[in-house]
Amino acid sequence: MTDYASLSKVIDEFVKNHVKKSRYEHSVRVAECAVMLCRKFGLDETKGWFLGIAHDMCKDFDRAELLSLAEKDGMPVYDMEREKPSLFHGRAAAVYLKEVYGVDDRDILEAIAVHVSGAVGMGDYAKILYIADKTEAGRDHLSAEYRKELYALPLDAMMRKVLTDNYGYIKSQGYSIYPGTEKLIQTL
């Protein structure tokens, strides 16, 4: 069984040294938000912190390394990802955590892998990381009132709201939508 408190310290140091300062600060805020959500929903707060600190650990890797790692997870690589390889930084991080650090917890690997796109059937840790990543306190476009109302919802309703809001924003900006996102919204 993985000691996530100890491993979090190792990953924290890795993240500090491999991503830009603003991304590291974002990761800390995501970890704080994930801990708060884990507490609210009765999940392991240590895992929540780990998810937050680790989720963007590969974001600043170069294109070739991201693709090489992401291809190892056995999932399809979409054209939109090939055009913008940073989209598979979560998938790359899940593979990296498994290969380099021996992480084998399916909940952790799933949450890290799908935190960019979400996935039909995703577990509670994956929902928490997705929500924390999109709503952490550094997201200046979100008001304190929005967060207060959001965080009062049950987990699936919270996930649906964040996913729907994010989906609307992505569409309004003319960006491509992940295959399966609309189906995910319908399943929540």
N, C-alpha and C. Protein backbone atom coordinates (compact mmCIF):
# COMPACT_ATOMS: atom_id res chain seq x y z
N MET A 1 0.85 -1.18 0.00
CA MET A 1 0.00 0.00 0.00
C MET A 1 0.89 1.25 0.00
N THR A 2 0.55 2.19 -0.84
CA THR A 2 1.35 3.40 -0.99
C THR A 2 1.13 4.35 0.18
N ASP A 3 2.23 4.89 0.69
CA ASP A 3 2.18 5.91 1.73
C ASP A 3 2.10 7.27 1.02
N TYR A 4 0.86 7.76 0.84
CA TYR A 4 0.67 8.98 0.07
C TYR A 4 1.21 10.23 0.76
N ALA A 5 1.29 10.22 2.08
CA ALA A 5 1.86 11.38 2.78
C ALA A 5 3.34 11.52 2.42
N SER A 6 4.09 10.42 2.47
CA SER A 6 5.52 10.45 2.13
C SER A 6 5.72 10.70 0.64
N LEU A 7 4.95 10.01 -0.19
CA LEU A 7 5.11 10.18 -1.63
C LEU A 7 4.73 11.60 -2.06
N SER A 8 3.78 12.21 -1.39
CA SER A 8 3.40 13.60 -1.70
C SER A 8 4.60 14.53 -1.56
N LYS A 9 5.43 14.29 -0.56
CA LYS A 9 6.62 15.14 -0.36
C LYS A 9 7.59 14.99 -1.54
N VAL A 10 7.76 13.76 -1.99
CA VAL A 10 8.64 13.49 -3.14
C VAL A 10 8.08 14.15 -4.40
N ILE A 11 6.79 13.98 -4.63
CA ILE A 11 6.15 14.54 -5.82
C ILE A 11 6.13 16.07 -5.74
N ASP A 12 5.91 16.61 -4.56
CA ASP A 12 5.95 18.06 -4.37
C ASP A 12 7.30 18.61 -4.85
N GLU A 13 8.37 17.97 -4.45
CA GLU A 13 9.72 18.41 -4.86
C GLU A 13 9.89 18.28 -6.37
N PHE A 14 9.40 17.17 -6.94
CA PHE A 14 9.46 16.97 -8.39
C PHE A 14 8.72 18.10 -9.11
N VAL A 15 7.51 18.38 -8.66
CA VAL A 15 6.69 19.41 -9.31
C VAL A 15 7.38 20.77 -9.22
N LYS A 16 7.90 21.11 -8.05
CA LYS A 16 8.62 22.39 -7.88
C LYS A 16 9.73 22.54 -8.91
N ASN A 17 10.39 21.43 -9.24
CA ASN A 17 11.55 21.46 -10.12
C ASN A 17 11.24 21.23 -11.60
N HIS A 18 9.99 20.88 -11.92
CA HIS A 18 9.67 20.52 -13.31
C HIS A 18 8.54 21.32 -13.95
N VAL A 19 7.92 22.19 -13.20
CA VAL A 19 6.90 23.06 -13.79
C VAL A 19 7.20 24.50 -13.39
N LYS A 20 6.62 25.42 -14.13
CA LYS A 20 6.83 26.83 -13.80
C LYS A 20 6.17 27.15 -12.45
N LYS A 21 6.64 28.21 -11.82
CA LYS A 21 6.21 28.58 -10.48
C LYS A 21 4.69 28.74 -10.38
N SER A 22 4.08 29.39 -11.35
CA SER A 22 2.63 29.60 -11.31
C SER A 22 1.87 28.27 -11.36
N ARG A 23 2.39 27.29 -12.09
CA ARG A 23 1.73 25.98 -12.16
C ARG A 23 1.89 25.24 -10.84
N TYR A 24 3.06 25.37 -10.21
CA TYR A 24 3.25 24.75 -8.90
C TYR A 24 2.26 25.35 -7.89
N GLU A 25 2.13 26.67 -7.90
CA GLU A 25 1.19 27.34 -6.99
C GLU A 25 -0.25 26.88 -7.26
N HIS A 26 -0.59 26.72 -8.53
CA HIS A 26 -1.90 26.18 -8.90
C HIS A 26 -2.07 24.77 -8.31
N SER A 27 -1.05 23.95 -8.42
CA SER A 27 -1.11 22.58 -7.91
C SER A 27 -1.36 22.55 -6.40
N VAL A 28 -0.72 23.45 -5.68
CA VAL A 28 -0.94 23.52 -4.23
C VAL A 28 -2.39 23.92 -3.94
N ARG A 29 -2.91 24.89 -4.69
CA ARG A 29 -4.32 25.30 -4.48
C ARG A 29 -5.29 24.17 -4.82
N VAL A 30 -4.99 23.42 -5.88
CA VAL A 30 -5.83 22.27 -6.24
C VAL A 30 -5.77 21.23 -5.11
N ALA A 31 -4.59 20.99 -4.57
CA ALA A 31 -4.44 20.04 -3.47
C ALA A 31 -5.27 20.49 -2.26
N GLU A 32 -5.21 21.77 -1.94
CA GLU A 32 -6.00 22.30 -0.81
C GLU A 32 -7.50 22.11 -1.05
N CYS A 33 -7.93 22.40 -2.25
CA CYS A 33 -9.35 22.25 -2.60
C CYS A 33 -9.75 20.78 -2.57
N ALA A 34 -8.90 19.91 -3.09
CA ALA A 34 -9.20 18.48 -3.10
C ALA A 34 -9.30 17.94 -1.68
N VAL A 35 -8.44 18.41 -0.79
CA VAL A 35 -8.52 17.98 0.62
C VAL A 35 -9.87 18.40 1.21
N MET A 36 -10.26 19.64 0.96
CA MET A 36 -11.54 20.14 1.48
C MET A 36 -12.70 19.29 0.95
N LEU A 37 -12.67 18.95 -0.34
CA LEU A 37 -13.73 18.14 -0.92
C LEU A 37 -13.70 16.70 -0.39
N CYS A 38 -12.52 16.14 -0.21
CA CYS A 38 -12.42 14.80 0.37
C CYS A 38 -13.01 14.79 1.78
N ARG A 39 -12.70 15.81 2.54
CA ARG A 39 -13.25 15.91 3.90
C ARG A 39 -14.77 15.95 3.84
N LYS A 40 -15.30 16.77 2.95
CA LYS A 40 -16.75 16.93 2.82
C LYS A 40 -17.43 15.61 2.47
N PHE A 41 -16.79 14.82 1.61
CA PHE A 41 -17.43 13.60 1.12
C PHE A 41 -16.89 12.32 1.77
N GLY A 42 -16.12 12.47 2.84
CA GLY A 42 -15.67 11.31 3.61
C GLY A 42 -14.62 10.46 2.92
N LEU A 43 -13.79 11.07 2.09
CA LEU A 43 -12.73 10.34 1.40
C LEU A 43 -11.37 10.67 2.03
N ASP A 44 -10.38 9.91 1.68
CA ASP A 44 -9.03 10.05 2.24
C ASP A 44 -8.40 11.38 1.82
N GLU A 45 -8.21 12.26 2.79
CA GLU A 45 -7.66 13.58 2.52
C GLU A 45 -6.21 13.52 2.04
N THR A 46 -5.47 12.52 2.49
CA THR A 46 -4.07 12.36 2.05
C THR A 46 -4.03 12.07 0.55
N LYS A 47 -4.95 11.25 0.09
CA LYS A 47 -5.05 10.99 -1.35
C LYS A 47 -5.46 12.27 -2.09
N GLY A 48 -6.36 13.04 -1.50
CA GLY A 48 -6.78 14.29 -2.12
C GLY A 48 -5.60 15.23 -2.32
N TRP A 49 -4.77 15.37 -1.28
CA TRP A 49 -3.59 16.23 -1.40
C TRP A 49 -2.67 15.71 -2.51
N PHE A 50 -2.44 14.40 -2.51
CA PHE A 50 -1.57 13.79 -3.52
C PHE A 50 -2.08 14.08 -4.93
N LEU A 51 -3.38 13.90 -5.13
CA LEU A 51 -3.97 14.16 -6.44
C LEU A 51 -3.69 15.59 -6.90
N GLY A 52 -3.93 16.53 -6.00
CA GLY A 52 -3.75 17.92 -6.36
C GLY A 52 -2.31 18.27 -6.68
N ILE A 53 -1.39 17.79 -5.88
CA ILE A 53 0.00 18.15 -6.07
C ILE A 53 0.58 17.45 -7.31
N ALA A 54 0.06 16.28 -7.65
CA ALA A 54 0.62 15.49 -8.75
C ALA A 54 -0.05 15.72 -10.10
N HIS A 55 -1.24 16.29 -10.13
CA HIS A 55 -2.04 16.25 -11.36
C HIS A 55 -1.40 16.93 -12.57
N ASP A 56 -0.63 17.97 -12.36
CA ASP A 56 0.01 18.69 -13.49
C ASP A 56 1.52 18.44 -13.57
N MET A 57 2.00 17.39 -12.95
CA MET A 57 3.44 17.16 -12.86
C MET A 57 4.12 17.04 -14.23
N CYS A 58 3.41 16.63 -15.25
CA CYS A 58 4.00 16.47 -16.59
C CYS A 58 3.60 17.61 -17.54
N LYS A 59 2.86 18.57 -17.08
CA LYS A 59 2.31 19.61 -17.96
C LYS A 59 3.37 20.34 -18.78
N ASP A 60 4.54 20.55 -18.21
CA ASP A 60 5.59 21.27 -18.93
C ASP A 60 6.59 20.36 -19.63
N PHE A 61 6.29 19.07 -19.72
CA PHE A 61 7.14 18.16 -20.49
C PHE A 61 7.03 18.53 -21.96
N ASP A 62 8.04 18.17 -22.75
CA ASP A 62 7.98 18.50 -24.18
C ASP A 62 7.00 17.57 -24.90
N ARG A 63 6.62 18.00 -26.08
CA ARG A 63 5.61 17.33 -26.90
C ARG A 63 5.88 15.83 -27.08
N ALA A 64 7.12 15.50 -27.43
CA ALA A 64 7.47 14.10 -27.70
C ALA A 64 7.34 13.24 -26.44
N GLU A 65 7.77 13.77 -25.31
CA GLU A 65 7.69 13.02 -24.06
C GLU A 65 6.24 12.82 -23.62
N LEU A 66 5.42 13.87 -23.77
CA LEU A 66 4.00 13.75 -23.43
C LEU A 66 3.33 12.67 -24.28
N LEU A 67 3.57 12.71 -25.57
CA LEU A 67 2.97 11.73 -26.48
C LEU A 67 3.45 10.33 -26.16
N SER A 68 4.74 10.17 -25.94
CA SER A 68 5.30 8.86 -25.64
C SER A 68 4.67 8.26 -24.38
N LEU A 69 4.55 9.06 -23.35
CA LEU A 69 3.93 8.57 -22.11
C LEU A 69 2.45 8.28 -22.31
N ALA A 70 1.73 9.21 -22.91
CA ALA A 70 0.28 9.05 -23.07
C ALA A 70 -0.07 7.82 -23.91
N GLU A 71 0.73 7.53 -24.91
CA GLU A 71 0.44 6.38 -25.77
C GLU A 71 0.53 5.05 -25.02
N LYS A 72 1.20 5.05 -23.89
CA LYS A 72 1.38 3.82 -23.12
C LYS A 72 0.13 3.42 -22.33
N ASP A 73 -0.85 4.32 -22.24
CA ASP A 73 -2.03 3.99 -21.42
C ASP A 73 -3.08 3.18 -22.18
N GLY A 74 -2.86 2.96 -23.48
CA GLY A 74 -3.76 2.12 -24.26
C GLY A 74 -5.04 2.80 -24.74
N MET A 75 -5.19 4.07 -24.41
CA MET A 75 -6.38 4.82 -24.84
C MET A 75 -6.09 5.46 -26.20
N PRO A 76 -7.14 5.78 -26.96
CA PRO A 76 -6.91 6.44 -28.26
C PRO A 76 -6.33 7.83 -28.06
N VAL A 77 -5.52 8.24 -29.03
CA VAL A 77 -4.99 9.60 -29.05
C VAL A 77 -5.81 10.35 -30.10
N TYR A 78 -6.50 11.39 -29.67
CA TYR A 78 -7.39 12.15 -30.56
C TYR A 78 -6.60 13.22 -31.31
N ASP A 79 -7.13 13.61 -32.47
CA ASP A 79 -6.49 14.65 -33.27
C ASP A 79 -6.30 15.93 -32.47
N MET A 80 -7.29 16.29 -31.67
CA MET A 80 -7.19 17.52 -30.88
C MET A 80 -6.01 17.45 -29.91
N GLU A 81 -5.69 16.25 -29.42
CA GLU A 81 -4.55 16.08 -28.53
C GLU A 81 -3.24 16.19 -29.30
N ARG A 82 -3.22 15.63 -30.49
CA ARG A 82 -2.00 15.75 -31.31
C ARG A 82 -1.72 17.21 -31.65
N GLU A 83 -2.79 17.97 -31.88
CA GLU A 83 -2.63 19.39 -32.18
C GLU A 83 -2.19 20.19 -30.96
N LYS A 84 -2.63 19.77 -29.78
CA LYS A 84 -2.27 20.46 -28.54
C LYS A 84 -1.88 19.39 -27.51
N PRO A 85 -0.62 18.92 -27.57
CA PRO A 85 -0.19 17.81 -26.72
C PRO A 85 -0.32 18.05 -25.21
N SER A 86 -0.38 19.30 -24.78
CA SER A 86 -0.54 19.53 -23.34
C SER A 86 -1.86 18.95 -22.84
N LEU A 87 -2.79 18.66 -23.75
CA LEU A 87 -4.07 18.06 -23.35
C LEU A 87 -3.88 16.67 -22.76
N PHE A 88 -2.80 15.97 -23.13
CA PHE A 88 -2.63 14.67 -22.49
C PHE A 88 -1.61 14.66 -21.37
N HIS A 89 -1.44 15.79 -20.72
CA HIS A 89 -0.52 15.82 -19.57
C HIS A 89 -1.04 14.98 -18.40
N GLY A 90 -2.36 14.87 -18.26
CA GLY A 90 -2.91 14.03 -17.20
C GLY A 90 -2.66 12.55 -17.47
N ARG A 91 -2.90 12.15 -18.69
CA ARG A 91 -2.64 10.77 -19.08
C ARG A 91 -1.15 10.45 -18.90
N ALA A 92 -0.30 11.38 -19.33
CA ALA A 92 1.14 11.19 -19.19
C ALA A 92 1.53 11.08 -17.71
N ALA A 93 0.95 11.92 -16.88
CA ALA A 93 1.28 11.90 -15.45
C ALA A 93 0.87 10.57 -14.81
N ALA A 94 -0.28 10.03 -15.19
CA ALA A 94 -0.71 8.75 -14.63
C ALA A 94 0.28 7.64 -14.99
N VAL A 95 0.72 7.63 -16.24
CA VAL A 95 1.71 6.63 -16.67
C VAL A 95 3.03 6.85 -15.93
N TYR A 96 3.46 8.10 -15.83
CA TYR A 96 4.71 8.43 -15.16
C TYR A 96 4.67 8.00 -13.69
N LEU A 97 3.57 8.29 -13.01
CA LEU A 97 3.43 7.89 -11.61
C LEU A 97 3.52 6.38 -11.45
N LYS A 98 2.92 5.66 -12.37
CA LYS A 98 2.94 4.20 -12.31
C LYS A 98 4.34 3.66 -12.59
N GLU A 99 4.97 4.16 -13.66
CA GLU A 99 6.27 3.64 -14.08
C GLU A 99 7.41 4.06 -13.15
N VAL A 100 7.43 5.30 -12.74
CA VAL A 100 8.58 5.83 -12.00
C VAL A 100 8.41 5.66 -10.48
N TYR A 101 7.19 5.83 -10.00
CA TYR A 101 6.96 5.82 -8.55
C TYR A 101 6.18 4.60 -8.06
N GLY A 102 5.79 3.72 -8.97
CA GLY A 102 5.11 2.50 -8.58
C GLY A 102 3.69 2.67 -8.08
N VAL A 103 3.06 3.79 -8.39
CA VAL A 103 1.68 4.01 -7.96
C VAL A 103 0.79 3.04 -8.74
N ASP A 104 -0.01 2.27 -7.99
CA ASP A 104 -0.89 1.31 -8.65
C ASP A 104 -2.34 1.43 -8.21
N ASP A 105 -2.66 2.46 -7.45
CA ASP A 105 -4.02 2.71 -6.99
C ASP A 105 -4.87 3.17 -8.17
N ARG A 106 -5.86 2.37 -8.53
CA ARG A 106 -6.68 2.67 -9.71
C ARG A 106 -7.42 4.00 -9.59
N ASP A 107 -7.89 4.32 -8.37
CA ASP A 107 -8.59 5.59 -8.17
C ASP A 107 -7.67 6.78 -8.44
N ILE A 108 -6.45 6.69 -7.95
CA ILE A 108 -5.46 7.76 -8.14
C ILE A 108 -5.11 7.90 -9.62
N LEU A 109 -4.77 6.79 -10.24
CA LEU A 109 -4.36 6.83 -11.66
C LEU A 109 -5.49 7.32 -12.55
N GLU A 110 -6.71 6.87 -12.27
CA GLU A 110 -7.86 7.33 -13.06
C GLU A 110 -8.05 8.84 -12.89
N ALA A 111 -8.03 9.30 -11.65
CA ALA A 111 -8.26 10.73 -11.38
C ALA A 111 -7.24 11.59 -12.11
N ILE A 112 -5.98 11.22 -12.03
CA ILE A 112 -4.92 11.99 -12.69
C ILE A 112 -5.11 11.93 -14.21
N ALA A 113 -5.39 10.74 -14.73
CA ALA A 113 -5.48 10.55 -16.18
C ALA A 113 -6.63 11.34 -16.79
N VAL A 114 -7.77 11.44 -16.10
CA VAL A 114 -8.96 12.05 -16.72
C VAL A 114 -9.26 13.47 -16.22
N HIS A 115 -8.34 14.08 -15.49
CA HIS A 115 -8.66 15.38 -14.91
C HIS A 115 -8.82 16.49 -15.95
N VAL A 116 -8.36 16.27 -17.17
CA VAL A 116 -8.52 17.27 -18.23
C VAL A 116 -9.89 17.15 -18.87
N SER A 117 -10.31 15.91 -19.15
CA SER A 117 -11.50 15.67 -19.96
C SER A 117 -12.70 15.12 -19.20
N GLY A 118 -12.44 14.47 -18.08
CA GLY A 118 -13.51 13.71 -17.44
C GLY A 118 -13.70 12.41 -18.21
N ALA A 119 -14.52 11.51 -17.67
CA ALA A 119 -14.79 10.24 -18.34
C ALA A 119 -16.06 9.63 -17.78
N VAL A 120 -16.82 9.02 -18.64
CA VAL A 120 -18.03 8.33 -18.21
C VAL A 120 -17.63 7.26 -17.20
N GLY A 121 -18.34 7.21 -16.09
CA GLY A 121 -18.07 6.21 -15.07
C GLY A 121 -16.95 6.56 -14.11
N MET A 122 -16.46 7.79 -14.18
CA MET A 122 -15.35 8.16 -13.31
C MET A 122 -15.73 8.07 -11.85
N GLY A 123 -14.75 7.70 -11.02
CA GLY A 123 -14.98 7.54 -9.59
C GLY A 123 -14.96 8.86 -8.83
N ASP A 124 -15.19 8.76 -7.54
CA ASP A 124 -15.30 9.96 -6.71
C ASP A 124 -14.00 10.76 -6.64
N TYR A 125 -12.84 10.10 -6.56
CA TYR A 125 -11.58 10.85 -6.53
C TYR A 125 -11.37 11.60 -7.85
N ALA A 126 -11.75 10.98 -8.94
CA ALA A 126 -11.63 11.64 -10.25
C ALA A 126 -12.54 12.87 -10.31
N LYS A 127 -13.74 12.74 -9.78
CA LYS A 127 -14.66 13.89 -9.76
C LYS A 127 -14.08 15.00 -8.89
N ILE A 128 -13.55 14.63 -7.74
CA ILE A 128 -12.99 15.63 -6.83
C ILE A 128 -11.82 16.36 -7.48
N LEU A 129 -10.93 15.64 -8.14
CA LEU A 129 -9.80 16.31 -8.79
C LEU A 129 -10.27 17.20 -9.92
N TYR A 130 -11.21 16.72 -10.72
CA TYR A 130 -11.74 17.53 -11.81
C TYR A 130 -12.32 18.84 -11.27
N ILE A 131 -13.13 18.73 -10.24
CA ILE A 131 -13.76 19.92 -9.64
C ILE A 131 -12.70 20.84 -9.04
N ALA A 132 -11.78 20.28 -8.27
CA ALA A 132 -10.75 21.09 -7.62
C ALA A 132 -9.89 21.83 -8.65
N ASP A 133 -9.55 21.16 -9.73
CA ASP A 133 -8.71 21.77 -10.78
C ASP A 133 -9.42 22.94 -11.44
N LYS A 134 -10.72 22.82 -11.63
CA LYS A 134 -11.46 23.87 -12.34
C LYS A 134 -11.95 24.99 -11.43
N THR A 135 -11.94 24.76 -10.10
CA THR A 135 -12.56 25.75 -9.21
C THR A 135 -11.64 26.26 -8.11
N GLU A 136 -10.37 25.88 -8.11
CA GLU A 136 -9.48 26.32 -7.03
C GLU A 136 -9.45 27.84 -6.94
N ALA A 137 -9.04 28.33 -5.79
CA ALA A 137 -9.16 29.74 -5.45
C ALA A 137 -8.44 30.69 -6.41
N GLY A 138 -7.48 30.20 -7.15
CA GLY A 138 -6.76 31.05 -8.11
C GLY A 138 -7.51 31.29 -9.41
N ARG A 139 -8.61 30.61 -9.59
CA ARG A 139 -9.44 30.81 -10.79
C ARG A 139 -10.23 32.10 -10.59
N ASP A 140 -9.64 33.21 -11.00
CA ASP A 140 -10.19 34.54 -10.72
C ASP A 140 -11.56 34.80 -11.33
N HIS A 141 -11.92 34.06 -12.36
CA HIS A 141 -13.22 34.29 -13.00
C HIS A 141 -14.38 33.71 -12.18
N LEU A 142 -14.07 32.98 -11.12
CA LEU A 142 -15.11 32.41 -10.26
C LEU A 142 -15.23 33.23 -8.99
N SER A 143 -16.45 33.58 -8.64
CA SER A 143 -16.67 34.38 -7.43
C SER A 143 -16.73 33.48 -6.19
N ALA A 144 -16.54 34.09 -5.05
CA ALA A 144 -16.68 33.38 -3.78
C ALA A 144 -18.10 32.83 -3.64
N GLU A 145 -19.08 33.59 -4.10
CA GLU A 145 -20.47 33.16 -4.02
C GLU A 145 -20.70 31.90 -4.88
N TYR A 146 -20.12 31.91 -6.10
CA TYR A 146 -20.23 30.73 -6.97
C TYR A 146 -19.66 29.50 -6.27
N ARG A 147 -18.47 29.64 -5.69
CA ARG A 147 -17.84 28.51 -5.00
C ARG A 147 -18.69 28.04 -3.82
N LYS A 148 -19.20 28.99 -3.04
CA LYS A 148 -20.01 28.65 -1.86
C LYS A 148 -21.23 27.82 -2.28
N GLU A 149 -21.94 28.28 -3.30
CA GLU A 149 -23.11 27.55 -3.79
C GLU A 149 -22.72 26.20 -4.38
N LEU A 150 -21.62 26.18 -5.13
CA LEU A 150 -21.15 24.94 -5.75
C LEU A 150 -20.78 23.91 -4.70
N TYR A 151 -19.98 24.31 -3.73
CA TYR A 151 -19.47 23.37 -2.73
C TYR A 151 -20.56 22.88 -1.77
N ALA A 152 -21.73 23.47 -1.82
CA ALA A 152 -22.85 23.00 -0.99
C ALA A 152 -23.60 21.84 -1.66
N LEU A 153 -23.33 21.61 -2.93
CA LEU A 153 -24.04 20.57 -3.69
C LEU A 153 -23.51 19.18 -3.38
N PRO A 154 -24.32 18.14 -3.62
CA PRO A 154 -23.82 16.77 -3.59
C PRO A 154 -22.76 16.59 -4.69
N LEU A 155 -21.92 15.60 -4.56
CA LEU A 155 -20.78 15.44 -5.47
C LEU A 155 -21.18 15.35 -6.94
N ASP A 156 -22.15 14.52 -7.29
CA ASP A 156 -22.52 14.39 -8.70
C ASP A 156 -23.11 15.69 -9.25
N ALA A 157 -23.90 16.37 -8.47
CA ALA A 157 -24.47 17.65 -8.91
C ALA A 157 -23.36 18.69 -9.08
N MET A 158 -22.40 18.67 -8.17
CA MET A 158 -21.26 19.58 -8.26
C MET A 158 -20.46 19.29 -9.53
N MET A 159 -20.22 18.01 -9.79
CA MET A 159 -19.48 17.62 -10.99
C MET A 159 -20.24 18.04 -12.24
N ARG A 160 -21.53 17.80 -12.27
CA ARG A 160 -22.35 18.18 -13.43
C ARG A 160 -22.26 19.68 -13.69
N LYS A 161 -22.36 20.47 -12.62
CA LYS A 161 -22.31 21.93 -12.75
C LYS A 161 -20.96 22.38 -13.29
N VAL A 162 -19.88 21.89 -12.73
CA VAL A 162 -18.55 22.29 -13.17
C VAL A 162 -18.31 21.84 -14.61
N LEU A 163 -18.67 20.62 -14.92
CA LEU A 163 -18.50 20.09 -16.27
C LEU A 163 -19.31 20.88 -17.27
N THR A 164 -20.56 21.16 -16.96
CA THR A 164 -21.42 21.92 -17.86
C THR A 164 -20.89 23.34 -18.06
N ASP A 165 -20.48 23.99 -16.98
CA ASP A 165 -19.92 25.34 -17.10
C ASP A 165 -18.65 25.34 -17.92
N ASN A 166 -17.78 24.36 -17.68
CA ASN A 166 -16.53 24.28 -18.43
C ASN A 166 -16.79 23.97 -19.90
N TYR A 167 -17.72 23.08 -20.15
CA TYR A 167 -18.10 22.71 -21.51
C TYR A 167 -18.63 23.94 -22.26
N GLY A 168 -19.47 24.72 -21.60
CA GLY A 168 -20.00 25.94 -22.22
C GLY A 168 -18.90 26.93 -22.55
N TYR A 169 -17.96 27.08 -21.63
CA TYR A 169 -16.84 28.00 -21.87
C TYR A 169 -16.00 27.54 -23.06
N ILE A 170 -15.67 26.26 -23.10
CA ILE A 170 -14.84 25.72 -24.18
C ILE A 170 -15.53 25.91 -25.52
N LYS A 171 -16.83 25.63 -25.57
CA LYS A 171 -17.58 25.83 -26.82
C LYS A 171 -17.61 27.30 -27.21
N SER A 172 -17.79 28.20 -26.24
CA SER A 172 -17.87 29.63 -26.55
C SER A 172 -16.54 30.17 -27.10
N GLN A 173 -15.45 29.51 -26.74
CA GLN A 173 -14.13 29.93 -27.21
C GLN A 173 -13.75 29.29 -28.55
N GLY A 174 -14.62 28.40 -29.05
CA GLY A 174 -14.37 27.75 -30.33
C GLY A 174 -13.39 26.59 -30.25
N TYR A 175 -13.11 26.10 -29.04
CA TYR A 175 -12.20 24.97 -28.89
C TYR A 175 -12.92 23.66 -29.16
N SER A 176 -12.14 22.64 -29.51
CA SER A 176 -12.69 21.31 -29.71
C SER A 176 -13.11 20.71 -28.38
N ILE A 177 -14.15 19.91 -28.41
CA ILE A 177 -14.67 19.24 -27.23
C ILE A 177 -14.25 17.77 -27.29
N TYR A 178 -13.84 17.24 -26.15
CA TYR A 178 -13.46 15.83 -26.10
C TYR A 178 -14.63 14.95 -26.50
N PRO A 179 -14.37 13.91 -27.29
CA PRO A 179 -15.42 12.93 -27.56
C PRO A 179 -15.89 12.35 -26.22
N GLY A 180 -17.15 12.21 -26.06
CA GLY A 180 -17.68 11.64 -24.83
C GLY A 180 -18.08 12.66 -23.77
N THR A 181 -17.71 13.94 -23.94
CA THR A 181 -18.04 14.93 -22.92
C THR A 181 -19.54 15.11 -22.78
N GLU A 182 -20.24 15.21 -23.89
CA GLU A 182 -21.69 15.37 -23.81
C GLU A 182 -22.35 14.15 -23.16
N LYS A 183 -21.85 12.97 -23.48
CA LYS A 183 -22.39 11.75 -22.86
C LYS A 183 -22.12 11.76 -21.36
N LEU A 184 -20.93 12.22 -20.96
CA LEU A 184 -20.61 12.30 -19.54
C LEU A 184 -21.58 13.23 -18.82
N ILE A 185 -21.87 14.37 -19.42
CA ILE A 185 -22.82 15.32 -18.80
C ILE A 185 -24.17 14.63 -18.60
N GLN A 186 -24.61 13.87 -19.59
CA GLN A 186 -25.91 13.21 -19.52
C GLN A 186 -25.95 12.10 -18.47
N THR A 187 -24.79 11.51 -18.15
CA THR A 187 -24.77 10.39 -17.21
C THR A 187 -24.72 10.83 -15.75
N LEU A 188 -24.43 12.10 -15.52
CA LEU A 188 -24.33 12.58 -14.13
C LEU A 188 -25.69 12.98 -13.57
